[in-house]
């Protein structure tokens, strides 16, 4: 789990919220988080909002979307036999 942005950069998907590959959730998160980032940055790039505020909103929305799924993946990755129980 990483802070997904800094000065001049932003992370999406596994780059900011690494998923164990068994889940297949990383590619979903990459697509969803890229869309969230684009939605938040569009007004800032048009000069209608602050880039800093846009990145903060992206971080909040990214966590809202993915944090619980990330926690589930981490918990199950310790013992994948839980999936067959």
N, C-alpha and C. Protein backbone atom coordinates (compact mmCIF):
# COMPACT_ATOMS: atom_id res chain seq x y z
N UNK A 1 0.85 -1.16 0.00
CA UNK A 1 0.00 0.00 0.00
C UNK A 1 0.90 1.23 0.00
N UNK A 2 0.68 2.10 -0.97
CA UNK A 2 1.49 3.31 -1.08
C UNK A 2 0.59 4.53 -1.25
N UNK A 3 1.09 5.67 -0.84
CA UNK A 3 0.42 6.92 -1.19
C UNK A 3 0.48 7.00 -2.71
N UNK A 4 -0.66 7.23 -3.37
CA UNK A 4 -0.69 7.07 -4.82
C UNK A 4 -0.31 8.30 -5.65
N UNK A 5 0.29 9.29 -5.03
CA UNK A 5 0.67 10.46 -5.83
C UNK A 5 1.76 11.25 -5.13
N UNK A 6 2.41 12.08 -5.92
CA UNK A 6 3.41 13.01 -5.42
C UNK A 6 3.56 14.12 -6.45
N UNK A 7 4.58 14.91 -6.32
CA UNK A 7 4.79 16.03 -7.22
C UNK A 7 5.10 15.55 -8.63
N UNK A 8 4.15 15.66 -9.52
CA UNK A 8 4.35 15.30 -10.91
C UNK A 8 4.11 13.84 -11.26
N UNK A 9 3.57 13.04 -10.34
CA UNK A 9 3.33 11.62 -10.64
C UNK A 9 2.11 11.09 -9.88
N UNK A 10 1.55 9.99 -10.39
CA UNK A 10 0.44 9.30 -9.72
C UNK A 10 0.55 7.81 -10.04
N UNK A 11 0.11 6.99 -9.11
CA UNK A 11 0.13 5.54 -9.27
C UNK A 11 -1.30 5.02 -9.41
N UNK A 12 -1.48 4.01 -10.24
CA UNK A 12 -2.77 3.35 -10.36
C UNK A 12 -2.57 1.84 -10.22
N UNK A 13 -3.63 1.15 -9.83
CA UNK A 13 -3.61 -0.30 -9.74
C UNK A 13 -2.53 -0.83 -8.81
N UNK A 14 -1.87 -1.91 -9.23
CA UNK A 14 -0.86 -2.58 -8.42
C UNK A 14 0.29 -1.67 -8.01
N UNK A 15 0.55 -0.65 -8.78
CA UNK A 15 1.67 0.24 -8.45
C UNK A 15 1.45 0.93 -7.10
N UNK A 16 0.20 1.18 -6.74
CA UNK A 16 -0.08 1.87 -5.49
C UNK A 16 -0.75 1.01 -4.44
N UNK A 17 -1.37 -0.08 -4.88
CA UNK A 17 -2.10 -0.97 -3.98
C UNK A 17 -1.90 -2.39 -4.49
N UNK A 18 -0.72 -2.93 -4.22
CA UNK A 18 -0.34 -4.23 -4.80
C UNK A 18 -1.30 -5.34 -4.39
N UNK A 19 -1.74 -6.09 -5.38
CA UNK A 19 -2.61 -7.24 -5.16
C UNK A 19 -1.84 -8.51 -5.48
N UNK A 20 -1.98 -9.51 -4.62
CA UNK A 20 -1.41 -10.81 -4.92
C UNK A 20 -2.03 -11.28 -6.24
N UNK A 21 -1.25 -11.82 -7.17
CA UNK A 21 -1.78 -12.16 -8.50
C UNK A 21 -2.89 -13.21 -8.49
N UNK A 22 -2.98 -14.03 -7.47
CA UNK A 22 -4.00 -15.08 -7.47
C UNK A 22 -5.41 -14.51 -7.59
N UNK A 23 -5.61 -13.27 -7.11
CA UNK A 23 -6.96 -12.72 -7.06
C UNK A 23 -7.46 -12.17 -8.39
N UNK A 24 -6.56 -11.75 -9.25
CA UNK A 24 -6.97 -11.11 -10.50
C UNK A 24 -7.52 -9.71 -10.31
N UNK A 25 -7.46 -9.19 -9.10
CA UNK A 25 -8.04 -7.87 -8.83
C UNK A 25 -7.14 -6.73 -9.26
N UNK A 26 -5.87 -6.98 -9.45
CA UNK A 26 -4.94 -5.90 -9.81
C UNK A 26 -5.30 -5.23 -11.11
N UNK A 27 -5.67 -6.01 -12.14
CA UNK A 27 -6.00 -5.42 -13.44
C UNK A 27 -7.30 -4.62 -13.35
N UNK A 28 -8.25 -5.11 -12.56
CA UNK A 28 -9.48 -4.35 -12.35
C UNK A 28 -9.18 -3.03 -11.66
N UNK A 29 -8.36 -3.09 -10.63
CA UNK A 29 -8.03 -1.87 -9.90
C UNK A 29 -7.28 -0.89 -10.79
N UNK A 30 -6.41 -1.38 -11.64
CA UNK A 30 -5.68 -0.49 -12.54
C UNK A 30 -6.64 0.28 -13.44
N UNK A 31 -7.62 -0.41 -13.99
CA UNK A 31 -8.58 0.25 -14.88
C UNK A 31 -9.47 1.24 -14.12
N UNK A 32 -9.99 0.80 -12.99
CA UNK A 32 -10.88 1.67 -12.21
C UNK A 32 -10.12 2.87 -11.68
N UNK A 33 -8.92 2.64 -11.14
CA UNK A 33 -8.16 3.75 -10.57
C UNK A 33 -7.70 4.73 -11.64
N UNK A 34 -7.38 4.24 -12.81
CA UNK A 34 -7.02 5.15 -13.91
C UNK A 34 -8.22 6.02 -14.29
N UNK A 35 -9.41 5.44 -14.31
CA UNK A 35 -10.61 6.22 -14.63
C UNK A 35 -10.89 7.26 -13.54
N UNK A 36 -10.73 6.86 -12.29
CA UNK A 36 -10.93 7.80 -11.18
C UNK A 36 -9.92 8.94 -11.29
N UNK A 37 -8.67 8.61 -11.54
CA UNK A 37 -7.62 9.64 -11.66
C UNK A 37 -7.95 10.60 -12.80
N UNK A 38 -8.37 10.08 -13.94
CA UNK A 38 -8.71 10.93 -15.07
C UNK A 38 -9.89 11.85 -14.73
N UNK A 39 -10.91 11.29 -14.08
CA UNK A 39 -12.08 12.09 -13.68
C UNK A 39 -11.68 13.24 -12.76
N UNK A 40 -10.79 12.95 -11.83
CA UNK A 40 -10.39 13.98 -10.87
C UNK A 40 -9.43 15.00 -11.47
N UNK A 41 -8.56 14.57 -12.37
CA UNK A 41 -7.58 15.49 -12.94
C UNK A 41 -8.14 16.37 -14.06
N UNK A 42 -9.17 15.93 -14.74
CA UNK A 42 -9.69 16.69 -15.88
C UNK A 42 -9.99 18.15 -15.53
N UNK A 43 -10.73 18.44 -14.47
CA UNK A 43 -10.99 19.86 -14.14
C UNK A 43 -9.70 20.61 -13.80
N UNK A 44 -8.78 19.95 -13.13
CA UNK A 44 -7.52 20.61 -12.77
C UNK A 44 -6.71 20.94 -14.01
N UNK A 45 -6.66 20.04 -14.96
CA UNK A 45 -5.91 20.28 -16.19
C UNK A 45 -6.56 21.35 -17.05
N UNK A 46 -7.86 21.53 -16.88
CA UNK A 46 -8.58 22.58 -17.61
C UNK A 46 -8.46 23.93 -16.90
N UNK A 47 -7.81 23.94 -15.73
CA UNK A 47 -7.63 25.18 -14.99
C UNK A 47 -8.79 25.53 -14.08
N UNK A 48 -9.71 24.59 -13.89
CA UNK A 48 -10.90 24.86 -13.07
C UNK A 48 -10.78 24.35 -11.63
N UNK A 49 -9.67 23.71 -11.30
CA UNK A 49 -9.48 23.17 -9.96
C UNK A 49 -7.99 23.03 -9.69
N UNK A 50 -7.66 22.78 -8.45
CA UNK A 50 -6.28 22.59 -8.04
C UNK A 50 -5.84 21.15 -8.29
N UNK A 51 -4.64 20.97 -8.83
CA UNK A 51 -4.10 19.63 -9.03
C UNK A 51 -3.93 18.93 -7.68
N UNK A 52 -3.46 19.66 -6.69
CA UNK A 52 -3.28 19.06 -5.35
C UNK A 52 -4.60 18.54 -4.81
N UNK A 53 -5.68 19.31 -4.96
CA UNK A 53 -6.99 18.86 -4.49
C UNK A 53 -7.48 17.67 -5.30
N UNK A 54 -7.23 17.69 -6.60
CA UNK A 54 -7.64 16.57 -7.45
C UNK A 54 -6.94 15.28 -7.03
N UNK A 55 -5.65 15.37 -6.74
CA UNK A 55 -4.90 14.18 -6.34
C UNK A 55 -5.36 13.68 -4.97
N UNK A 56 -5.69 14.57 -4.09
CA UNK A 56 -6.21 14.17 -2.79
C UNK A 56 -7.55 13.44 -2.95
N UNK A 57 -8.42 13.98 -3.79
CA UNK A 57 -9.71 13.32 -4.05
C UNK A 57 -9.49 11.96 -4.70
N UNK A 58 -8.52 11.88 -5.62
CA UNK A 58 -8.19 10.58 -6.23
C UNK A 58 -7.78 9.58 -5.16
N UNK A 59 -6.92 9.99 -4.24
CA UNK A 59 -6.46 9.11 -3.17
C UNK A 59 -7.65 8.61 -2.35
N UNK A 60 -8.54 9.50 -1.99
CA UNK A 60 -9.72 9.13 -1.20
C UNK A 60 -10.61 8.15 -1.96
N UNK A 61 -10.86 8.44 -3.23
CA UNK A 61 -11.72 7.56 -4.03
C UNK A 61 -11.05 6.23 -4.30
N UNK A 62 -9.73 6.23 -4.52
CA UNK A 62 -9.00 4.98 -4.73
C UNK A 62 -9.16 4.08 -3.50
N UNK A 63 -8.96 4.66 -2.32
CA UNK A 63 -9.08 3.87 -1.10
C UNK A 63 -10.52 3.40 -0.88
N UNK A 64 -11.47 4.26 -1.18
CA UNK A 64 -12.87 3.88 -1.05
C UNK A 64 -13.19 2.68 -1.94
N UNK A 65 -12.66 2.68 -3.15
CA UNK A 65 -12.91 1.58 -4.07
C UNK A 65 -12.14 0.32 -3.69
N UNK A 66 -10.87 0.46 -3.35
CA UNK A 66 -10.02 -0.72 -3.30
C UNK A 66 -9.52 -1.20 -1.96
N UNK A 67 -9.64 -0.41 -0.92
CA UNK A 67 -9.00 -0.76 0.33
C UNK A 67 -9.55 -2.05 0.94
N UNK A 68 -10.85 -2.22 0.97
CA UNK A 68 -11.41 -3.44 1.54
C UNK A 68 -11.05 -4.66 0.70
N UNK A 69 -11.08 -4.53 -0.62
CA UNK A 69 -10.66 -5.64 -1.49
C UNK A 69 -9.19 -5.97 -1.27
N UNK A 70 -8.37 -4.96 -1.08
CA UNK A 70 -6.95 -5.19 -0.81
C UNK A 70 -6.79 -5.96 0.51
N UNK A 71 -7.51 -5.55 1.53
CA UNK A 71 -7.44 -6.24 2.83
C UNK A 71 -7.87 -7.70 2.70
N UNK A 72 -8.93 -7.95 1.96
CA UNK A 72 -9.39 -9.33 1.75
C UNK A 72 -8.33 -10.15 1.03
N UNK A 73 -7.74 -9.58 0.00
CA UNK A 73 -6.71 -10.29 -0.75
C UNK A 73 -5.52 -10.63 0.13
N UNK A 74 -5.07 -9.68 0.93
CA UNK A 74 -3.93 -9.90 1.82
C UNK A 74 -4.26 -11.00 2.83
N UNK A 75 -5.46 -10.95 3.40
CA UNK A 75 -5.85 -11.94 4.40
C UNK A 75 -5.91 -13.34 3.79
N UNK A 76 -6.49 -13.47 2.62
CA UNK A 76 -6.61 -14.79 2.00
C UNK A 76 -5.29 -15.30 1.44
N UNK A 77 -4.41 -14.40 1.05
CA UNK A 77 -3.13 -14.82 0.47
C UNK A 77 -2.27 -15.57 1.48
N UNK A 78 -2.48 -15.32 2.77
CA UNK A 78 -1.73 -16.05 3.79
C UNK A 78 -2.01 -17.54 3.75
N UNK A 79 -3.24 -17.91 3.39
CA UNK A 79 -3.62 -19.32 3.38
C UNK A 79 -4.71 -19.52 2.31
N UNK A 80 -4.30 -19.82 1.10
CA UNK A 80 -5.26 -19.95 -0.01
C UNK A 80 -6.19 -21.15 0.17
N UNK A 81 -5.87 -22.05 1.09
CA UNK A 81 -6.77 -23.18 1.33
C UNK A 81 -8.12 -22.71 1.85
N UNK A 82 -8.19 -21.49 2.36
CA UNK A 82 -9.46 -20.92 2.82
C UNK A 82 -10.47 -20.84 1.67
N UNK A 83 -9.98 -20.76 0.44
CA UNK A 83 -10.86 -20.64 -0.71
C UNK A 83 -11.58 -21.95 -1.02
N UNK A 84 -11.06 -23.07 -0.54
CA UNK A 84 -11.68 -24.36 -0.81
C UNK A 84 -12.52 -24.86 0.35
N UNK A 85 -12.50 -24.12 1.44
CA UNK A 85 -13.26 -24.56 2.65
C UNK A 85 -14.74 -24.36 2.47
